[in-house]
């Protein structure tokens, strides 16, 4: 009897931001339907300080719909990672490639505040 396996959904990992000694954001993108993608974002504290009040905001173009779940934690320790899950639905044109704007804010235990604004344009074409 032949073994039938389900086809694997396309998956790709993308580095959205990396600032050595500060922060890294990676996306694991999975196409879940022809015009829908799931993104698991991993935000890693690369510093030697505890981060507090971490916020993560994302925006997509008008032709897409973004659903975002809360961060797993807002105070990652040094070397630790927090995650956030997102779903992007391309509501009009499946041939427009994925692009996203990110804003991340956090403070160190010493009181220094940081903000990162990033345009992510290296998402897979099917996002």
N, C-alpha and C. Protein backbone atom coordinates (compact mmCIF):
# COMPACT_ATOMS: atom_id res chain seq x y z
N UNK A 1 0.86 -1.18 0.00
CA UNK A 1 0.00 0.00 0.00
C UNK A 1 0.90 1.23 0.00
N UNK A 2 0.72 2.12 -0.97
CA UNK A 2 1.55 3.34 -1.00
C UNK A 2 1.17 4.28 0.14
N UNK A 3 2.17 4.93 0.66
CA UNK A 3 1.95 5.92 1.72
C UNK A 3 1.70 7.27 1.07
N UNK A 4 0.59 7.88 1.44
CA UNK A 4 0.24 9.19 0.90
C UNK A 4 0.55 10.23 1.97
N UNK A 5 1.34 11.21 1.60
CA UNK A 5 1.64 12.30 2.54
C UNK A 5 1.02 13.58 2.03
N UNK A 6 0.61 14.40 2.98
CA UNK A 6 0.06 15.70 2.63
C UNK A 6 1.20 16.59 2.14
N UNK A 7 0.95 17.41 1.11
CA UNK A 7 2.00 18.33 0.67
C UNK A 7 2.30 19.35 1.78
N UNK A 8 3.56 19.66 1.93
CA UNK A 8 3.96 20.63 2.95
C UNK A 8 3.66 22.05 2.48
N UNK A 9 3.13 22.85 3.41
CA UNK A 9 2.88 24.25 3.09
C UNK A 9 4.22 24.96 2.93
N UNK A 10 4.30 25.89 1.97
CA UNK A 10 5.55 26.64 1.82
C UNK A 10 5.88 27.39 3.12
N UNK A 11 7.13 27.28 3.55
CA UNK A 11 7.60 27.95 4.76
C UNK A 11 8.94 28.61 4.46
N UNK A 12 9.11 29.81 4.99
CA UNK A 12 10.37 30.53 4.78
C UNK A 12 10.66 31.36 6.02
N UNK A 13 11.95 31.42 6.40
CA UNK A 13 12.36 32.25 7.53
C UNK A 13 13.03 33.51 7.01
N UNK A 14 12.64 34.65 7.58
CA UNK A 14 13.12 35.95 7.13
C UNK A 14 13.64 36.74 8.33
N UNK A 15 14.80 37.36 8.19
CA UNK A 15 15.29 38.26 9.23
C UNK A 15 14.71 39.64 8.96
N UNK A 16 13.89 40.12 9.88
CA UNK A 16 13.25 41.43 9.72
C UNK A 16 14.14 42.54 10.27
N UNK A 17 14.89 42.24 11.33
CA UNK A 17 15.76 43.24 11.95
C UNK A 17 16.82 42.51 12.77
N UNK A 18 18.03 43.02 12.71
CA UNK A 18 19.08 42.50 13.58
C UNK A 18 20.02 43.65 13.91
N UNK A 19 20.08 44.01 15.18
CA UNK A 19 21.02 45.02 15.67
C UNK A 19 21.87 44.33 16.72
N UNK A 20 23.12 44.05 16.35
CA UNK A 20 24.01 43.32 17.26
C UNK A 20 24.07 44.00 18.63
N UNK A 21 23.98 43.19 19.67
CA UNK A 21 24.04 43.70 21.03
C UNK A 21 22.74 44.32 21.50
N UNK A 22 21.69 44.33 20.65
CA UNK A 22 20.42 44.94 21.04
C UNK A 22 19.24 43.99 20.83
N UNK A 23 18.84 43.80 19.56
CA UNK A 23 17.60 43.08 19.30
C UNK A 23 17.65 42.39 17.94
N UNK A 24 16.93 41.27 17.83
CA UNK A 24 16.78 40.57 16.55
C UNK A 24 15.32 40.17 16.41
N UNK A 25 14.79 40.32 15.20
CA UNK A 25 13.42 39.90 14.91
C UNK A 25 13.46 39.00 13.69
N UNK A 26 12.96 37.78 13.84
CA UNK A 26 12.89 36.84 12.73
C UNK A 26 11.45 36.41 12.55
N UNK A 27 11.06 36.22 11.30
CA UNK A 27 9.72 35.75 10.95
C UNK A 27 9.82 34.34 10.38
N UNK A 28 8.97 33.46 10.84
CA UNK A 28 8.78 32.17 10.18
C UNK A 28 7.44 32.28 9.47
N UNK A 29 7.48 32.36 8.15
CA UNK A 29 6.29 32.58 7.33
C UNK A 29 5.83 31.25 6.73
N UNK A 30 4.54 30.98 6.87
CA UNK A 30 3.96 29.76 6.31
C UNK A 30 2.70 30.12 5.53
N UNK A 31 2.64 29.68 4.30
CA UNK A 31 1.44 29.92 3.49
C UNK A 31 0.40 28.90 3.92
N UNK A 32 -0.74 29.37 4.45
CA UNK A 32 -1.78 28.48 4.96
C UNK A 32 -2.95 28.33 3.99
N UNK A 33 -3.06 29.22 3.02
CA UNK A 33 -4.08 29.18 1.97
C UNK A 33 -3.53 30.01 0.82
N UNK A 34 -4.15 29.97 -0.37
CA UNK A 34 -3.60 30.72 -1.50
C UNK A 34 -3.34 32.21 -1.23
N UNK A 35 -4.17 32.86 -0.44
CA UNK A 35 -3.96 34.29 -0.18
C UNK A 35 -3.80 34.59 1.31
N UNK A 36 -3.46 33.56 2.11
CA UNK A 36 -3.33 33.72 3.55
C UNK A 36 -2.01 33.13 4.04
N UNK A 37 -1.33 33.88 4.91
CA UNK A 37 -0.06 33.43 5.47
C UNK A 37 -0.07 33.61 6.98
N UNK A 38 0.58 32.68 7.65
CA UNK A 38 0.76 32.75 9.09
C UNK A 38 2.21 33.13 9.34
N UNK A 39 2.43 34.06 10.26
CA UNK A 39 3.79 34.49 10.59
C UNK A 39 3.99 34.35 12.09
N UNK A 40 5.03 33.64 12.47
CA UNK A 40 5.44 33.56 13.86
C UNK A 40 6.69 34.42 13.99
N UNK A 41 6.56 35.52 14.73
CA UNK A 41 7.69 36.43 14.90
C UNK A 41 8.41 36.10 16.21
N UNK A 42 9.72 35.98 16.13
CA UNK A 42 10.56 35.76 17.31
C UNK A 42 11.38 37.01 17.54
N UNK A 43 11.24 37.59 18.72
CA UNK A 43 11.97 38.80 19.07
C UNK A 43 12.96 38.43 20.18
N UNK A 44 14.25 38.56 19.89
CA UNK A 44 15.28 38.12 20.82
C UNK A 44 16.03 39.31 21.40
N UNK A 45 16.19 39.30 22.71
CA UNK A 45 16.98 40.30 23.42
C UNK A 45 18.44 39.90 23.30
N UNK A 46 19.22 40.64 22.51
CA UNK A 46 20.63 40.33 22.30
C UNK A 46 21.55 41.08 23.26
N UNK A 47 20.96 41.85 24.17
CA UNK A 47 21.78 42.66 25.07
C UNK A 47 22.09 41.90 26.36
N UNK A 48 22.79 42.58 27.25
CA UNK A 48 23.09 42.01 28.57
C UNK A 48 22.15 42.58 29.63
N UNK A 49 21.17 43.38 29.20
CA UNK A 49 20.20 43.99 30.12
C UNK A 49 18.82 43.38 29.93
N UNK A 50 18.06 43.37 30.99
CA UNK A 50 16.65 42.98 30.93
C UNK A 50 15.89 44.05 30.16
N UNK A 51 14.97 43.68 29.29
CA UNK A 51 14.11 44.65 28.60
C UNK A 51 12.77 44.69 29.31
N UNK A 52 12.20 45.89 29.37
CA UNK A 52 10.90 46.09 30.00
C UNK A 52 9.98 46.83 29.03
N UNK A 53 8.68 46.65 29.20
CA UNK A 53 7.67 47.35 28.41
C UNK A 53 7.87 47.20 26.90
N UNK A 54 8.23 46.00 26.49
CA UNK A 54 8.42 45.73 25.06
C UNK A 54 7.07 45.80 24.35
N UNK A 55 7.02 46.58 23.29
CA UNK A 55 5.82 46.63 22.45
C UNK A 55 6.24 46.31 21.02
N UNK A 56 5.33 45.71 20.29
CA UNK A 56 5.59 45.32 18.91
C UNK A 56 4.34 45.64 18.11
N UNK A 57 4.48 46.53 17.14
CA UNK A 57 3.37 46.92 16.27
C UNK A 57 3.74 46.58 14.84
N UNK A 58 2.73 46.16 14.08
CA UNK A 58 2.95 45.82 12.67
C UNK A 58 1.84 46.43 11.83
N UNK A 59 2.17 46.82 10.62
CA UNK A 59 1.19 47.37 9.68
C UNK A 59 1.45 46.78 8.30
N UNK A 60 0.37 46.57 7.57
CA UNK A 60 0.45 46.03 6.21
C UNK A 60 -0.26 47.00 5.26
N UNK A 61 0.00 46.90 3.96
CA UNK A 61 -0.69 47.77 3.00
C UNK A 61 -2.21 47.57 3.03
N UNK A 62 -2.92 48.52 2.44
CA UNK A 62 -4.38 48.50 2.45
C UNK A 62 -4.98 47.27 1.79
N UNK A 63 -4.26 46.65 0.85
CA UNK A 63 -4.79 45.48 0.16
C UNK A 63 -4.70 44.20 1.01
N UNK A 64 -4.14 44.30 2.21
CA UNK A 64 -3.98 43.13 3.07
C UNK A 64 -4.68 43.38 4.41
N UNK A 65 -5.03 42.28 5.07
CA UNK A 65 -5.65 42.34 6.39
C UNK A 65 -4.72 41.62 7.36
N UNK A 66 -4.42 42.28 8.48
CA UNK A 66 -3.51 41.74 9.49
C UNK A 66 -4.28 41.42 10.76
N UNK A 67 -4.10 40.20 11.26
CA UNK A 67 -4.61 39.81 12.58
C UNK A 67 -3.39 39.48 13.42
N UNK A 68 -3.26 40.14 14.58
CA UNK A 68 -2.08 39.95 15.41
C UNK A 68 -2.49 39.55 16.82
N UNK A 69 -1.79 38.58 17.38
CA UNK A 69 -2.03 38.13 18.74
C UNK A 69 -1.05 38.83 19.67
N UNK A 70 -1.32 38.86 20.98
CA UNK A 70 -0.42 39.55 21.91
C UNK A 70 0.96 38.89 22.01
N UNK A 71 1.94 39.68 22.43
CA UNK A 71 3.28 39.15 22.69
C UNK A 71 3.22 38.10 23.79
N UNK A 72 4.09 37.12 23.72
CA UNK A 72 4.14 36.09 24.76
C UNK A 72 4.66 36.64 26.09
N UNK A 73 5.42 37.74 26.04
CA UNK A 73 5.97 38.38 27.24
C UNK A 73 6.44 39.78 26.85
N UNK A 74 6.42 40.71 27.78
CA UNK A 74 6.89 42.07 27.46
C UNK A 74 8.18 42.43 28.18
N UNK A 75 8.80 41.46 28.85
CA UNK A 75 10.04 41.71 29.59
C UNK A 75 11.06 40.59 29.39
N UNK A 76 11.61 40.47 28.18
CA UNK A 76 12.58 39.39 27.97
C UNK A 76 13.91 39.64 28.66
N UNK A 77 14.42 38.61 29.30
CA UNK A 77 15.73 38.65 29.94
C UNK A 77 16.80 38.60 28.86
N UNK A 78 18.04 38.92 29.20
CA UNK A 78 19.13 38.85 28.22
C UNK A 78 19.21 37.47 27.58
N UNK A 79 19.32 37.45 26.25
CA UNK A 79 19.41 36.20 25.52
C UNK A 79 18.10 35.46 25.35
N UNK A 80 17.01 35.99 25.88
CA UNK A 80 15.71 35.32 25.81
C UNK A 80 14.90 35.85 24.64
N UNK A 81 13.91 35.05 24.25
CA UNK A 81 13.09 35.36 23.09
C UNK A 81 11.62 35.42 23.51
N UNK A 82 10.88 36.35 22.88
CA UNK A 82 9.43 36.39 23.01
C UNK A 82 8.86 36.19 21.61
N UNK A 83 7.60 35.78 21.54
CA UNK A 83 6.99 35.51 20.25
C UNK A 83 5.66 36.23 20.11
N UNK A 84 5.28 36.43 18.87
CA UNK A 84 3.96 36.97 18.54
C UNK A 84 3.52 36.29 17.24
N UNK A 85 2.25 35.92 17.19
CA UNK A 85 1.70 35.27 15.99
C UNK A 85 0.85 36.26 15.21
N UNK A 86 0.96 36.19 13.89
CA UNK A 86 0.20 37.07 13.01
C UNK A 86 -0.34 36.26 11.85
N UNK A 87 -1.47 36.72 11.29
CA UNK A 87 -2.03 36.15 10.07
C UNK A 87 -2.24 37.31 9.11
N UNK A 88 -1.75 37.15 7.89
CA UNK A 88 -1.93 38.17 6.85
C UNK A 88 -2.76 37.58 5.73
N UNK A 89 -3.82 38.28 5.37
CA UNK A 89 -4.66 37.87 4.25
C UNK A 89 -4.56 38.93 3.18
N UNK A 90 -4.14 38.52 1.99
CA UNK A 90 -4.07 39.43 0.85
C UNK A 90 -5.49 39.49 0.29
N UNK A 91 -6.18 40.60 0.52
CA UNK A 91 -7.61 40.67 0.21
C UNK A 91 -7.92 41.01 -1.24
N UNK A 92 -6.93 41.44 -2.03
CA UNK A 92 -7.25 41.82 -3.41
C UNK A 92 -6.34 41.15 -4.44
N UNK A 93 -5.10 41.51 -4.45
CA UNK A 93 -4.20 41.08 -5.52
C UNK A 93 -3.15 40.10 -5.01
N UNK A 94 -3.28 38.81 -5.36
CA UNK A 94 -2.31 37.83 -4.85
C UNK A 94 -0.92 38.00 -5.45
N UNK A 95 -0.76 38.84 -6.47
CA UNK A 95 0.54 39.02 -7.10
C UNK A 95 1.36 40.15 -6.48
N UNK A 96 0.73 40.91 -5.59
CA UNK A 96 1.49 41.95 -4.89
C UNK A 96 2.27 41.28 -3.77
N UNK A 97 3.56 41.49 -3.75
CA UNK A 97 4.40 40.86 -2.75
C UNK A 97 4.16 41.44 -1.37
N UNK A 98 4.53 40.66 -0.37
CA UNK A 98 4.33 41.08 1.00
C UNK A 98 5.31 42.13 1.44
N UNK A 99 4.80 43.12 2.12
CA UNK A 99 5.63 44.16 2.73
C UNK A 99 4.96 44.53 4.05
N UNK A 100 5.77 44.92 5.02
CA UNK A 100 5.24 45.20 6.34
C UNK A 100 6.09 46.27 7.02
N UNK A 101 5.46 47.09 7.83
CA UNK A 101 6.19 48.07 8.65
C UNK A 101 6.10 47.60 10.09
N UNK A 102 7.22 47.71 10.80
CA UNK A 102 7.28 47.30 12.21
C UNK A 102 7.72 48.45 13.08
N UNK A 103 7.18 48.50 14.27
CA UNK A 103 7.66 49.44 15.27
C UNK A 103 7.80 48.67 16.57
N UNK A 104 9.00 48.67 17.11
CA UNK A 104 9.29 47.99 18.36
C UNK A 104 9.85 49.01 19.34
N UNK A 105 9.32 49.00 20.55
CA UNK A 105 9.81 49.90 21.60
C UNK A 105 10.09 49.08 22.85
N UNK A 106 11.13 49.49 23.59
CA UNK A 106 11.47 48.79 24.82
C UNK A 106 12.39 49.68 25.64
N UNK A 107 12.52 49.35 26.92
CA UNK A 107 13.42 50.07 27.82
C UNK A 107 14.30 49.05 28.52
N UNK A 108 15.52 49.47 28.86
CA UNK A 108 16.42 48.59 29.62
C UNK A 108 16.19 48.81 31.10
N UNK A 109 16.74 47.91 31.89
CA UNK A 109 16.59 48.04 33.34
C UNK A 109 17.32 49.29 33.87
N UNK A 110 18.25 49.83 33.08
CA UNK A 110 18.95 51.07 33.47
C UNK A 110 18.14 52.31 33.09
N UNK A 111 17.02 52.12 32.39
CA UNK A 111 16.15 53.24 32.04
C UNK A 111 16.31 53.79 30.64
N UNK A 112 17.25 53.25 29.86
CA UNK A 112 17.42 53.72 28.48
C UNK A 112 16.26 53.22 27.63
N UNK A 113 15.69 54.10 26.82
CA UNK A 113 14.56 53.74 25.96
C UNK A 113 15.03 53.61 24.52
N UNK A 114 14.46 52.62 23.82
CA UNK A 114 14.82 52.37 22.43
C UNK A 114 13.55 52.23 21.60
N UNK A 115 13.64 52.64 20.34
CA UNK A 115 12.54 52.46 19.38
C UNK A 115 13.15 52.11 18.03
N UNK A 116 12.60 51.10 17.40
CA UNK A 116 13.07 50.67 16.09
C UNK A 116 11.89 50.71 15.13
N UNK A 117 12.04 51.43 14.02
CA UNK A 117 11.05 51.45 12.94
C UNK A 117 11.69 50.80 11.73
N UNK A 118 11.03 49.78 11.19
CA UNK A 118 11.62 49.00 10.11
C UNK A 118 10.59 48.73 9.03
N UNK A 119 11.01 48.84 7.78
CA UNK A 119 10.19 48.39 6.66
C UNK A 119 10.75 47.03 6.25
N UNK A 120 9.90 46.01 6.29
CA UNK A 120 10.30 44.66 5.92
C UNK A 120 9.80 44.40 4.50
N UNK A 121 10.71 44.35 3.55
CA UNK A 121 10.31 44.14 2.16
C UNK A 121 10.85 42.84 1.60
N UNK A 122 11.48 42.01 2.45
CA UNK A 122 12.04 40.73 2.00
C UNK A 122 11.15 39.55 2.38
N UNK A 123 9.85 39.79 2.55
CA UNK A 123 8.93 38.70 2.83
C UNK A 123 8.75 37.84 1.58
N UNK A 124 8.40 36.59 1.74
CA UNK A 124 8.15 35.75 0.55
C UNK A 124 7.09 36.36 -0.35
N UNK A 125 7.18 36.10 -1.63
CA UNK A 125 6.24 36.70 -2.59
C UNK A 125 4.79 36.27 -2.34
N UNK A 126 4.59 35.14 -1.68
CA UNK A 126 3.23 34.65 -1.45
C UNK A 126 2.61 35.21 -0.16
N UNK A 127 3.33 36.05 0.59
CA UNK A 127 2.76 36.65 1.80
C UNK A 127 1.86 37.77 1.40
